[in-house]
Amino acid sequence: MRTTPIRAELDSGAEFSLFEGKLAQHIGLDLFAGEPFAFRLASGAPLDSRILRVLVCHHALGDIPFSARFSTAPMQTNILGRDFFDLVRIGFDEHHSEVYLSALRTR
């Protein structure tokens, strides 16, 4: 498996994280080998995805094994949702536009 840096938005309103499907291929995974997962977007439109096991690597958090969903359709923004929040401690300082993350030691 290969690694690649990506940008993802934290979204506390999203139950699940969702990434651009092309990323799976870029890191050496077969997108369609993953378990199918159907999303329903806020607009009501369906969006198919696949669940693949990845390792999220962050300089301050370390390596976090994670079951990520990858879209089978093009996307503009990668989303880290509440499924990722379950793996880290997260805090927001809205006044200063800062986010604090730390790894949970008991996973």
PDB file of N, CA and C in Angstrom:
ATOM      1  N   MET A   1       0.850  -1.178   0.000  1.00  0.00           N
ATOM      2  CA  MET A   1       0.000   0.000   0.000  1.00  0.00           C
ATOM      3  C   MET A   1       0.894   1.239   0.000  1.00  0.00           C
ATOM      4  N   ARG A   2       0.506   2.246  -0.756  1.00  0.00           N
ATOM      5  CA  ARG A   2       1.243   3.508  -0.829  1.00  0.00           C
ATOM      6  C   ARG A   2       0.567   4.546   0.053  1.00  0.00           C
ATOM      7  N   THR A   3       1.258   5.635   0.299  1.00  0.00           N
ATOM      8  CA  THR A   3       0.688   6.742   1.067  1.00  0.00           C
ATOM      9  C   THR A   3       0.605   7.978   0.182  1.00  0.00           C
ATOM     10  N   THR A   4      -0.287   8.870   0.550  1.00  0.00           N
ATOM     11  CA  THR A   4      -0.409  10.152  -0.135  1.00  0.00           C
ATOM     12  C   THR A   4      -1.001  11.165   0.828  1.00  0.00           C
ATOM     13  N   PRO A   5      -0.482  12.379   0.823  1.00  0.00           N
ATOM     14  CA  PRO A   5      -1.104  13.405   1.664  1.00  0.00           C
ATOM     15  C   PRO A   5      -2.438  13.844   1.052  1.00  0.00           C
ATOM     16  N   ILE A   6      -3.428  14.056   1.911  1.00  0.00           N
ATOM     17  CA  ILE A   6      -4.729  14.539   1.430  1.00  0.00           C
ATOM     18  C   ILE A   6      -5.231  15.633   2.353  1.00  0.00           C
ATOM     19  N   ARG A   7      -6.168  16.381   1.855  1.00  0.00           N
ATOM     20  CA  ARG A   7      -6.879  17.380   2.649  1.00  0.00           C
ATOM     21  C   ARG A   7      -8.283  16.845   2.872  1.00  0.00           C
ATOM     22  N   ALA A   8      -8.736  16.894   4.133  1.00  0.00           N
ATOM     23  CA  ALA A   8     -10.089  16.452   4.471  1.00  0.00           C
ATOM     24  C   ALA A   8     -10.676  17.441   5.461  1.00  0.00           C
ATOM     25  N   GLU A   9     -11.948  17.729   5.290  1.00  0.00           N
ATOM     26  CA  GLU A   9     -12.662  18.640   6.168  1.00  0.00           C
ATOM     27  C   GLU A   9     -13.272  17.863   7.333  1.00  0.00           C
ATOM     28  N   LEU A  10     -13.144  18.408   8.550  1.00  0.00           N
ATOM     29  CA  LEU A  10     -13.832  17.823   9.701  1.00  0.00           C
ATOM     30  C   LEU A  10     -15.300  18.214   9.618  1.00  0.00           C
ATOM     31  N   ASP A  11     -16.204  17.225   9.732  1.00  0.00           N
ATOM     32  CA  ASP A  11     -17.636  17.497   9.621  1.00  0.00           C
ATOM     33  C   ASP A  11     -18.369  16.757  10.730  1.00  0.00           C
ATOM     34  N   SER A  12     -18.677  17.463  11.816  1.00  0.00           N
ATOM     35  CA  SER A  12     -19.359  16.833  12.946  1.00  0.00           C
ATOM     36  C   SER A  12     -20.801  16.468  12.612  1.00  0.00           C
ATOM     37  N   GLY A  13     -21.316  16.947  11.504  1.00  0.00           N
ATOM     38  CA  GLY A  13     -22.665  16.603  11.074  1.00  0.00           C
ATOM     39  C   GLY A  13     -22.710  15.355  10.225  1.00  0.00           C
ATOM     40  N   ALA A  14     -21.543  14.851   9.827  1.00  0.00           N
ATOM     41  CA  ALA A  14     -21.481  13.648   8.994  1.00  0.00           C
ATOM     42  C   ALA A  14     -21.278  12.425   9.877  1.00  0.00           C
ATOM     43  N   GLU A  15     -22.166  11.458   9.755  1.00  0.00           N
ATOM     44  CA  GLU A  15     -22.027  10.238  10.561  1.00  0.00           C
ATOM     45  C   GLU A  15     -20.788   9.452  10.145  1.00  0.00           C
ATOM     46  N   PHE A  16     -20.504   9.436   8.835  1.00  0.00           N
ATOM     47  CA  PHE A  16     -19.386   8.663   8.305  1.00  0.00           C
ATOM     48  C   PHE A  16     -18.444   9.552   7.501  1.00  0.00           C
ATOM     49  N   SER A  17     -17.191   9.162   7.482  1.00  0.00           N
ATOM     50  CA  SER A  17     -16.194   9.829   6.636  1.00  0.00           C
ATOM     51  C   SER A  17     -16.372   9.329   5.204  1.00  0.00           C
ATOM     52  N   LEU A  18     -16.043  10.196   4.251  1.00  0.00           N
ATOM     53  CA  LEU A  18     -16.178   9.835   2.842  1.00  0.00           C
ATOM     54  C   LEU A  18     -15.064  10.499   2.053  1.00  0.00           C
ATOM     55  N   PHE A  19     -14.388   9.684   1.223  1.00  0.00           N
ATOM     56  CA  PHE A  19     -13.253  10.157   0.434  1.00  0.00           C
ATOM     57  C   PHE A  19     -13.489   9.916  -1.047  1.00  0.00           C
ATOM     58  N   GLU A  20     -12.822  10.720  -1.837  1.00  0.00           N
ATOM     59  CA  GLU A  20     -12.838  10.581  -3.303  1.00  0.00           C
ATOM     60  C   GLU A  20     -12.328   9.183  -3.662  1.00  0.00           C
ATOM     61  N   GLY A  21     -13.086   8.463  -4.480  1.00  0.00           N
ATOM     62  CA  GLY A  21     -12.735   7.097  -4.857  1.00  0.00           C
ATOM     63  C   GLY A  21     -11.390   6.954  -5.543  1.00  0.00           C
ATOM     64  N   LYS A  22     -10.965   7.981  -6.278  1.00  0.00           N
ATOM     65  CA  LYS A  22      -9.670   7.911  -6.965  1.00  0.00           C
ATOM     66  C   LYS A  22      -8.513   7.775  -5.980  1.00  0.00           C
ATOM     67  N   LEU A  23      -8.719   8.220  -4.742  1.00  0.00           N
ATOM     68  CA  LEU A  23      -7.670   8.076  -3.728  1.00  0.00           C
ATOM     69  C   LEU A  23      -7.359   6.615  -3.447  1.00  0.00           C
ATOM     70  N   ALA A  24      -8.396   5.771  -3.453  1.00  0.00           N
ATOM     71  CA  ALA A  24      -8.183   4.342  -3.205  1.00  0.00           C
ATOM     72  C   ALA A  24      -7.198   3.777  -4.224  1.00  0.00           C
ATOM     73  N   GLN A  25      -7.421   4.068  -5.478  1.00  0.00           N
ATOM     74  CA  GLN A  25      -6.519   3.591  -6.528  1.00  0.00           C
ATOM     75  C   GLN A  25      -5.129   4.189  -6.356  1.00  0.00           C
ATOM     76  N   HIS A  26      -5.067   5.450  -6.001  1.00  0.00           N
ATOM     77  CA  HIS A  26      -3.782   6.136  -5.843  1.00  0.00           C
ATOM     78  C   HIS A  26      -2.925   5.502  -4.747  1.00  0.00           C
ATOM     79  N   ILE A  27      -3.561   4.972  -3.691  1.00  0.00           N
ATOM     80  CA  ILE A  27      -2.783   4.346  -2.614  1.00  0.00           C
ATOM     81  C   ILE A  27      -2.697   2.827  -2.782  1.00  0.00           C
ATOM     82  N   GLY A  28      -3.108   2.333  -3.942  1.00  0.00           N
ATOM     83  CA  GLY A  28      -2.913   0.923  -4.264  1.00  0.00           C
ATOM     84  C   GLY A  28      -4.034  -0.008  -3.850  1.00  0.00           C
ATOM     85  N   LEU A  29      -5.234   0.522  -3.602  1.00  0.00           N
ATOM     86  CA  LEU A  29      -6.375  -0.309  -3.232  1.00  0.00           C
ATOM     87  C   LEU A  29      -7.340  -0.439  -4.401  1.00  0.00           C
ATOM     88  N   ASP A  30      -8.022  -1.566  -4.464  1.00  0.00           N
ATOM     89  CA  ASP A  30      -9.057  -1.785  -5.472  1.00  0.00           C
ATOM     90  C   ASP A  30     -10.374  -1.275  -4.902  1.00  0.00           C
ATOM     91  N   LEU A  31     -10.859  -0.155  -5.408  1.00  0.00           N
ATOM     92  CA  LEU A  31     -12.075   0.476  -4.898  1.00  0.00           C
ATOM     93  C   LEU A  31     -13.237  -0.510  -4.844  1.00  0.00           C
ATOM     94  N   PHE A  32     -13.432  -1.283  -5.884  1.00  0.00           N
ATOM     95  CA  PHE A  32     -14.605  -2.147  -5.977  1.00  0.00           C
ATOM     96  C   PHE A  32     -14.441  -3.471  -5.232  1.00  0.00           C
ATOM     97  N   ALA A  33     -13.294  -3.661  -4.573  1.00  0.00           N
ATOM     98  CA  ALA A  33     -13.119  -4.838  -3.712  1.00  0.00           C
ATOM     99  C   ALA A  33     -13.744  -4.601  -2.342  1.00  0.00           C
ATOM    100  N   GLY A  34     -14.054  -3.338  -2.023  1.00  0.00           N
ATOM    101  CA  GLY A  34     -14.631  -3.009  -0.723  1.00  0.00           C
ATOM    102  C   GLY A  34     -16.112  -3.332  -0.642  1.00  0.00           C
ATOM    103  N   GLU A  35     -16.583  -3.452   0.598  1.00  0.00           N
ATOM    104  CA  GLU A  35     -18.002  -3.708   0.846  1.00  0.00           C
ATOM    105  C   GLU A  35     -18.835  -2.508   0.403  1.00  0.00           C
ATOM    106  N   PRO A  36     -19.915  -2.713  -0.361  1.00  0.00           N
ATOM    107  CA  PRO A  36     -20.757  -1.589  -0.796  1.00  0.00           C
ATOM    108  C   PRO A  36     -21.429  -0.899   0.394  1.00  0.00           C
ATOM    109  N   PHE A  37     -21.560   0.411   0.287  1.00  0.00           N
ATOM    110  CA  PHE A  37     -22.230   1.213   1.303  1.00  0.00           C
ATOM    111  C   PHE A  37     -22.966   2.336   0.580  1.00  0.00           C
ATOM    112  N   ALA A  38     -24.270   2.438   0.805  1.00  0.00           N
ATOM    113  CA  ALA A  38     -25.077   3.452   0.121  1.00  0.00           C
ATOM    114  C   ALA A  38     -25.297   4.652   1.036  1.00  0.00           C
ATOM    115  N   PHE A  39     -24.913   5.819   0.574  1.00  0.00           N
ATOM    116  CA  PHE A  39     -25.172   7.074   1.273  1.00  0.00           C
ATOM    117  C   PHE A  39     -26.440   7.703   0.729  1.00  0.00           C
ATOM    118  N   ARG A  40     -27.081   8.510   1.540  1.00  0.00           N
ATOM    119  CA  ARG A  40     -28.166   9.373   1.079  1.00  0.00           C
ATOM    120  C   ARG A  40     -27.701  10.787   1.403  1.00  0.00           C
ATOM    121  N   LEU A  41     -27.476  11.598   0.381  1.00  0.00           N
ATOM    122  CA  LEU A  41     -26.989  12.962   0.568  1.00  0.00           C
ATOM    123  C   LEU A  41     -28.081  13.851   1.154  1.00  0.00           C
ATOM    124  N   ALA A  42     -27.690  15.009   1.660  1.00  0.00           N
ATOM    125  CA  ALA A  42     -28.655  15.955   2.236  1.00  0.00           C
ATOM    126  C   ALA A  42     -29.732  16.325   1.228  1.00  0.00           C
ATOM    127  N   SER A  43     -29.374  16.319  -0.052  1.00  0.00           N
ATOM    128  CA  SER A  43     -30.336  16.637  -1.106  1.00  0.00           C
ATOM    129  C   SER A  43     -31.318  15.493  -1.359  1.00  0.00           C
ATOM    130  N   GLY A  44     -31.027  14.318  -0.766  1.00  0.00           N
ATOM    131  CA  GLY A  44     -31.857  13.141  -0.984  1.00  0.00           C
ATOM    132  C   GLY A  44     -31.313  12.216  -2.054  1.00  0.00           C
ATOM    133  N   ALA A  45     -30.302  12.681  -2.788  1.00  0.00           N
ATOM    134  CA  ALA A  45     -29.728  11.873  -3.865  1.00  0.00           C
ATOM    135  C   ALA A  45     -28.885  10.729  -3.280  1.00  0.00           C
ATOM    136  N   PRO A  46     -28.919   9.558  -3.932  1.00  0.00           N
ATOM    137  CA  PRO A  46     -28.087   8.442  -3.468  1.00  0.00           C
ATOM    138  C   PRO A  46     -26.638   8.612  -3.924  1.00  0.00           C
ATOM    139  N   LEU A  47     -25.724   8.053  -3.158  1.00  0.00           N
ATOM    140  CA  LEU A  47     -24.302   8.055  -3.515  1.00  0.00           C
ATOM    141  C   LEU A  47     -23.724   6.723  -3.088  1.00  0.00           C
ATOM    142  N   ASP A  48     -23.247   5.951  -4.045  1.00  0.00           N
ATOM    143  CA  ASP A  48     -22.642   4.661  -3.737  1.00  0.00           C
ATOM    144  C   ASP A  48     -21.196   4.850  -3.317  1.00  0.00           C
ATOM    145  N   SER A  49     -20.767   3.997  -2.397  1.00  0.00           N
ATOM    146  CA  SER A  49     -19.384   4.017  -1.943  1.00  0.00           C
ATOM    147  C   SER A  49     -18.968   2.600  -1.595  1.00  0.00           C
ATOM    148  N   ARG A  50     -17.704   2.444  -1.276  1.00  0.00           N
ATOM    149  CA  ARG A  50     -17.161   1.163  -0.837  1.00  0.00           C
ATOM    150  C   ARG A  50     -16.366   1.395   0.442  1.00  0.00           C
ATOM    151  N   ILE A  51     -16.419   0.413   1.347  1.00  0.00           N
ATOM    152  CA  ILE A  51     -15.677   0.496   2.605  1.00  0.00           C
ATOM    153  C   ILE A  51     -14.357  -0.252   2.442  1.00  0.00           C
ATOM    154  N   LEU A  52     -13.268   0.451   2.714  1.00  0.00           N
ATOM    155  CA  LEU A  52     -11.929  -0.130   2.631  1.00  0.00           C
ATOM    156  C   LEU A  52     -11.151   0.193   3.903  1.00  0.00           C
ATOM    157  N   ARG A  53     -10.333  -0.731   4.335  1.00  0.00           N
ATOM    158  CA  ARG A  53      -9.500  -0.530   5.521  1.00  0.00           C
ATOM    159  C   ARG A  53      -8.251   0.240   5.115  1.00  0.00           C
ATOM    160  N   VAL A  54      -7.983   1.358   5.813  1.00  0.00           N
ATOM    161  CA  VAL A  54      -6.809   2.189   5.545  1.00  0.00           C
ATOM    162  C   VAL A  54      -6.104   2.500   6.863  1.00  0.00           C
ATOM    163  N   LEU A  55      -4.942   3.079   6.754  1.00  0.00           N
ATOM    164  CA  LEU A  55      -4.189   3.538   7.909  1.00  0.00           C
ATOM    165  C   LEU A  55      -4.028   5.045   7.763  1.00  0.00           C
ATOM    166  N   VAL A  56      -4.672   5.798   8.652  1.00  0.00           N
ATOM    167  CA  VAL A  56      -4.538   7.250   8.658  1.00  0.00           C
ATOM    168  C   VAL A  56      -3.271   7.576   9.443  1.00  0.00           C
ATOM    169  N   CYS A  57      -2.340   8.283   8.805  1.00  0.00           N
ATOM    170  CA  CYS A  57      -1.071   8.632   9.437  1.00  0.00           C
ATOM    171  C   CYS A  57      -1.013  10.150   9.615  1.00  0.00           C
ATOM    172  N   HIS A  58      -0.744  10.565  10.831  1.00  0.00           N
ATOM    173  CA  HIS A  58      -0.672  11.986  11.141  1.00  0.00           C
ATOM    174  C   HIS A  58       0.532  12.213  12.041  1.00  0.00           C
ATOM    175  N   HIS A  59       1.285  13.282  11.771  1.00  0.00           N
ATOM    176  CA  HIS A  59       2.527  13.499  12.521  1.00  0.00           C
ATOM    177  C   HIS A  59       2.305  13.622  14.024  1.00  0.00           C
ATOM    178  N   ALA A  60       1.186  14.160  14.453  1.00  0.00           N
ATOM    179  CA  ALA A  60       0.932  14.336  15.888  1.00  0.00           C
ATOM    180  C   ALA A  60       0.091  13.205  16.485  1.00  0.00           C
ATOM    181  N   LEU A  61      -0.703  12.528  15.657  1.00  0.00           N
ATOM    182  CA  LEU A  61      -1.609  11.498  16.160  1.00  0.00           C
ATOM    183  C   LEU A  61      -1.054  10.091  16.039  1.00  0.00           C
ATOM    184  N   GLY A  62      -0.076   9.912  15.168  1.00  0.00           N
ATOM    185  CA  GLY A  62       0.435   8.574  14.896  1.00  0.00           C
ATOM    186  C   GLY A  62      -0.384   7.897  13.818  1.00  0.00           C
ATOM    187  N   ASP A  63      -0.343   6.566  13.815  1.00  0.00           N
ATOM    188  CA  ASP A  63      -1.049   5.765  12.811  1.00  0.00           C
ATOM    189  C   ASP A  63      -2.367   5.258  13.403  1.00  0.00           C
ATOM    190  N   ILE A  64      -3.452   5.494  12.685  1.00  0.00           N
ATOM    191  CA  ILE A  64      -4.783   5.119  13.154  1.00  0.00           C
ATOM    192  C   ILE A  64      -5.434   4.217  12.108  1.00  0.00           C
ATOM    193  N   PRO A  65      -5.612   2.915  12.413  1.00  0.00           N
ATOM    194  CA  PRO A  65      -6.354   2.039  11.492  1.00  0.00           C
ATOM    195  C   PRO A  65      -7.809   2.499  11.421  1.00  0.00           C
ATOM    196  N   PHE A  66      -8.379   2.455  10.216  1.00  0.00           N
ATOM    197  CA  PHE A  66      -9.672   3.081  10.001  1.00  0.00           C
ATOM    198  C   PHE A  66     -10.387   2.420   8.827  1.00  0.00           C
ATOM    199  N   SER A  67     -11.677   2.158   8.977  1.00  0.00           N
ATOM    200  CA  SER A  67     -12.503   1.677   7.865  1.00  0.00           C
ATOM    201  C   SER A  67     -13.130   2.899   7.204  1.00  0.00           C
ATOM    202  N   ALA A  68     -12.619   3.257   6.048  1.00  0.00           N
ATOM    203  CA  ALA A  68     -13.045   4.475   5.352  1.00  0.00           C
ATOM    204  C   ALA A  68     -13.980   4.130   4.203  1.00  0.00           C
ATOM    205  N   ARG A  69     -14.852   5.070   3.899  1.00  0.00           N
ATOM    206  CA  ARG A  69     -15.745   4.941   2.758  1.00  0.00           C
ATOM    207  C   ARG A  69     -15.191   5.779   1.613  1.00  0.00           C
ATOM    208  N   PHE A  70     -15.173   5.169   0.430  1.00  0.00           N
ATOM    209  CA  PHE A  70     -14.672   5.836  -0.775  1.00  0.00           C
ATOM    210  C   PHE A  70     -15.794   5.893  -1.799  1.00  0.00           C
ATOM    211  N   SER A  71     -16.062   7.078  -2.306  1.00  0.00           N
ATOM    212  CA  SER A  71     -17.134   7.298  -3.268  1.00  0.00           C
ATOM    213  C   SER A  71     -16.809   6.658  -4.612  1.00  0.00           C
ATOM    214  N   THR A  72     -17.836   6.106  -5.259  1.00  0.00           N
ATOM    215  CA  THR A  72     -17.654   5.582  -6.612  1.00  0.00           C
ATOM    216  C   THR A  72     -17.900   6.670  -7.660  1.00  0.00           C
ATOM    217  N   ALA A  73     -18.344   7.848  -7.220  1.00  0.00           N
ATOM    218  CA  ALA A  73     -18.576   8.992  -8.110  1.00  0.00           C
ATOM    219  C   ALA A  73     -17.596  10.110  -7.735  1.00  0.00           C
ATOM    220  N   PRO A  74     -17.288  11.005  -8.669  1.00  0.00           N
ATOM    221  CA  PRO A  74     -16.375  12.119  -8.350  1.00  0.00           C
ATOM    222  C   PRO A  74     -16.901  12.978  -7.200  1.00  0.00           C
ATOM    223  N   MET A  75     -15.980  13.473  -6.386  1.00  0.00           N
ATOM    224  CA  MET A  75     -16.312  14.333  -5.248  1.00  0.00           C
ATOM    225  C   MET A  75     -15.375  15.526  -5.227  1.00  0.00           C
ATOM    226  N   GLN A  76     -15.840  16.611  -4.639  1.00  0.00           N
ATOM    227  CA  GLN A  76     -15.015  17.809  -4.512  1.00  0.00           C
ATOM    228  C   GLN A  76     -14.250  17.855  -3.186  1.00  0.00           C
ATOM    229  N   THR A  77     -14.852  17.328  -2.108  1.00  0.00           N
ATOM    230  CA  THR A  77     -14.295  17.479  -0.770  1.00  0.00           C
ATOM    231  C   THR A  77     -14.263  16.141  -0.044  1.00  0.00           C
ATOM    232  N   ASN A  78     -13.127  15.821   0.564  1.00  0.00           N
ATOM    233  CA  ASN A  78     -13.018  14.655   1.434  1.00  0.00           C
ATOM    234  C   ASN A  78     -13.510  15.058   2.823  1.00  0.00           C
ATOM    235  N   ILE A  79     -14.258  14.159   3.459  1.00  0.00           N
ATOM    236  CA  ILE A  79     -14.902  14.457   4.735  1.00  0.00           C
ATOM    237  C   ILE A  79     -14.431  13.474   5.812  1.00  0.00           C
ATOM    238  N   LEU A  80     -14.037  14.009   6.967  1.00  0.00           N
ATOM    239  CA  LEU A  80     -13.808  13.195   8.157  1.00  0.00           C
ATOM    240  C   LEU A  80     -15.004  13.402   9.070  1.00  0.00           C
ATOM    241  N   GLY A  81     -15.781  12.339   9.252  1.00  0.00           N
ATOM    242  CA  GLY A  81     -17.008  12.426  10.036  1.00  0.00           C
ATOM    243  C   GLY A  81     -16.861  11.854  11.435  1.00  0.00           C
ATOM    244  N   ARG A  82     -18.005  11.611  12.053  1.00  0.00           N
ATOM    245  CA  ARG A  82     -18.018  11.177  13.452  1.00  0.00           C
ATOM    246  C   ARG A  82     -17.422   9.789  13.648  1.00  0.00           C
ATOM    247  N   ASP A  83     -17.376   8.951  12.601  1.00  0.00           N
ATOM    248  CA  ASP A  83     -16.703   7.664  12.759  1.00  0.00           C
ATOM    249  C   ASP A  83     -15.212   7.862  13.033  1.00  0.00           C
ATOM    250  N   PHE A  84     -14.612   8.891  12.442  1.00  0.00           N
ATOM    251  CA  PHE A  84     -13.216   9.226  12.734  1.00  0.00           C
ATOM    252  C   PHE A  84     -13.103   9.876  14.110  1.00  0.00           C
ATOM    253  N   PHE A  85     -14.078  10.701  14.463  1.00  0.00           N
ATOM    254  CA  PHE A  85     -14.068  11.364  15.770  1.00  0.00           C
ATOM    255  C   PHE A  85     -14.060  10.348  16.911  1.00  0.00           C
ATOM    256  N   ASP A  86     -14.620   9.145  16.678  1.00  0.00           N
ATOM    257  CA  ASP A  86     -14.604   8.089  17.693  1.00  0.00           C
ATOM    258  C   ASP A  86     -13.192   7.589  17.989  1.00  0.00           C
ATOM    259  N   LEU A  87     -12.241   7.879  17.102  1.00  0.00           N
ATOM    260  CA  LEU A  87     -10.878   7.380  17.241  1.00  0.00           C
ATOM    261  C   LEU A  87      -9.910   8.403  17.824  1.00  0.00           C
ATOM    262  N   VAL A  88     -10.357   9.642  17.959  1.00  0.00           N
ATOM    263  CA  VAL A  88      -9.500  10.721  18.455  1.00  0.00           C
ATOM    264  C   VAL A  88     -10.268  11.567  19.467  1.00  0.00           C
ATOM    265  N   ARG A  89      -9.541  12.327  20.236  1.00  0.00           N
ATOM    266  CA  ARG A  89     -10.158  13.345  21.098  1.00  0.00           C
ATOM    267  C   ARG A  89     -10.070  14.641  20.307  1.00  0.00           C
ATOM    268  N   ILE A  90     -11.194  15.331  20.194  1.00  0.00           N
ATOM    269  CA  ILE A  90     -11.237  16.528  19.357  1.00  0.00           C
ATOM    270  C   ILE A  90     -11.869  17.678  20.126  1.00  0.00           C
ATOM    271  N   GLY A  91     -11.310  18.851  19.940  1.00  0.00           N
ATOM    272  CA  GLY A  91     -11.852  20.044  20.574  1.00  0.00           C
ATOM    273  C   GLY A  91     -11.828  21.210  19.604  1.00  0.00           C
ATOM    274  N   PHE A  92     -12.792  22.097  19.740  1.00  0.00           N
ATOM    275  CA  PHE A  92     -12.903  23.259  18.867  1.00  0.00           C
ATOM    276  C   PHE A  92     -12.826  24.528  19.699  1.00  0.00           C
ATOM    277  N   ASP A  93     -12.020  25.474  19.259  1.00  0.00           N
ATOM    278  CA  ASP A  93     -12.005  26.816  19.832  1.00  0.00           C
ATOM    279  C   ASP A  93     -12.509  27.731  18.719  1.00  0.00           C
ATOM    280  N   GLU A  94     -13.826  27.870  18.653  1.00  0.00           N
ATOM    281  CA  GLU A  94     -14.449  28.597  17.549  1.00  0.00           C
ATOM    282  C   GLU A  94     -13.991  30.045  17.491  1.00  0.00           C
ATOM    283  N   HIS A  95     -13.819  30.677  18.652  1.00  0.00           N
ATOM    284  CA  HIS A  95     -13.423  32.085  18.711  1.00  0.00           C
ATOM    285  C   HIS A  95     -12.075  32.325  18.016  1.00  0.00           C
ATOM    286  N   HIS A  96     -11.153  31.366  18.144  1.00  0.00           N
ATOM    287  CA  HIS A  96      -9.822  31.504  17.533  1.00  0.00           C
ATOM    288  C   HIS A  96      -9.652  30.660  16.265  1.00  0.00           C
ATOM    289  N   SER A  97     -10.731  30.032  15.811  1.00  0.00           N
ATOM    290  CA  SER A  97     -10.704  29.173  14.616  1.00  0.00           C
ATOM    291  C   SER A  97      -9.627  28.102  14.719  1.00  0.00           C
ATOM    292  N   GLU A  98      -9.580  27.424  15.870  1.00  0.00           N
ATOM    293  CA  GLU A  98      -8.587  26.379  16.085  1.00  0.00           C
ATOM    294  C   GLU A  98      -9.281  25.059  16.401  1.00  0.00           C
ATOM    295  N   VAL A  99      -8.617  23.980  15.981  1.00  0.00           N
ATOM    296  CA  VAL A  99      -9.076  22.616  16.256  1.00  0.00           C
ATOM    297  C   VAL A  99      -7.944  21.900  16.976  1.00  0.00           C
ATOM    298  N   TYR A 100      -8.286  21.158  18.021  1.00  0.00           N
ATOM    299  CA  TYR A 100      -7.297  20.394  18.782  1.00  0.00           C
ATOM    300  C   TYR A 100      -7.607  18.916  18.642  1.00  0.00           C
ATOM    301  N   LEU A 101      -6.593  18.121  18.265  1.00  0.00           N
ATOM    302  CA  LEU A 101      -6.752  16.692  18.106  1.00  0.00           C
ATOM    303  C   LEU A 101      -5.707  15.971  18.935  1.00  0.00           C
ATOM    304  N   SER A 102      -6.088  14.881  19.555  1.00  0.00           N
ATOM    305  CA  SER A 102      -5.123  13.998  20.195  1.00  0.00           C
ATOM    306  C   SER A 102      -5.616  12.568  20.014  1.00  0.00           C
ATOM    307  N   ALA A 103      -4.678  11.634  19.969  1.00  0.00           N
ATOM    308  CA  ALA A 103      -5.025  10.236  19.787  1.00  0.00           C
ATOM    309  C   ALA A 103      -5.583   9.670  21.082  1.00  0.00           C
ATOM    310  N   LEU A 104      -6.600   8.831  20.956  1.00  0.00           N
ATOM    311  CA  LEU A 104      -7.105   8.107  22.109  1.00  0.00           C
ATOM    312  C   LEU A 104      -6.186   6.926  22.345  1.00  0.00           C
ATOM    313  N   ARG A 105      -5.800   6.701  23.551  1.00  0.00           N
ATOM    314  CA  ARG A 105      -4.861   5.618  23.869  1.00  0.00           C
ATOM    315  C   ARG A 105      -5.566   4.290  24.093  1.00  0.00           C
ATOM    316  N   THR A 106      -6.863   4.330  24.376  1.00  0.00           N
ATOM    317  CA  THR A 106      -7.622   3.100  24.609  1.00  0.00           C
ATOM    318  C   THR A 106      -8.557   2.894  23.440  1.00  0.00           C
ATOM    319  N   ARG A 107      -8.110   2.170  22.430  1.00  0.00           N
ATOM    320  CA  ARG A 107      -8.922   1.870  21.254  1.00  0.00           C
ATOM    321  C   ARG A 107      -9.132   0.406  21.140  1.00  0.00           C
TER     322      ARG A 107
END
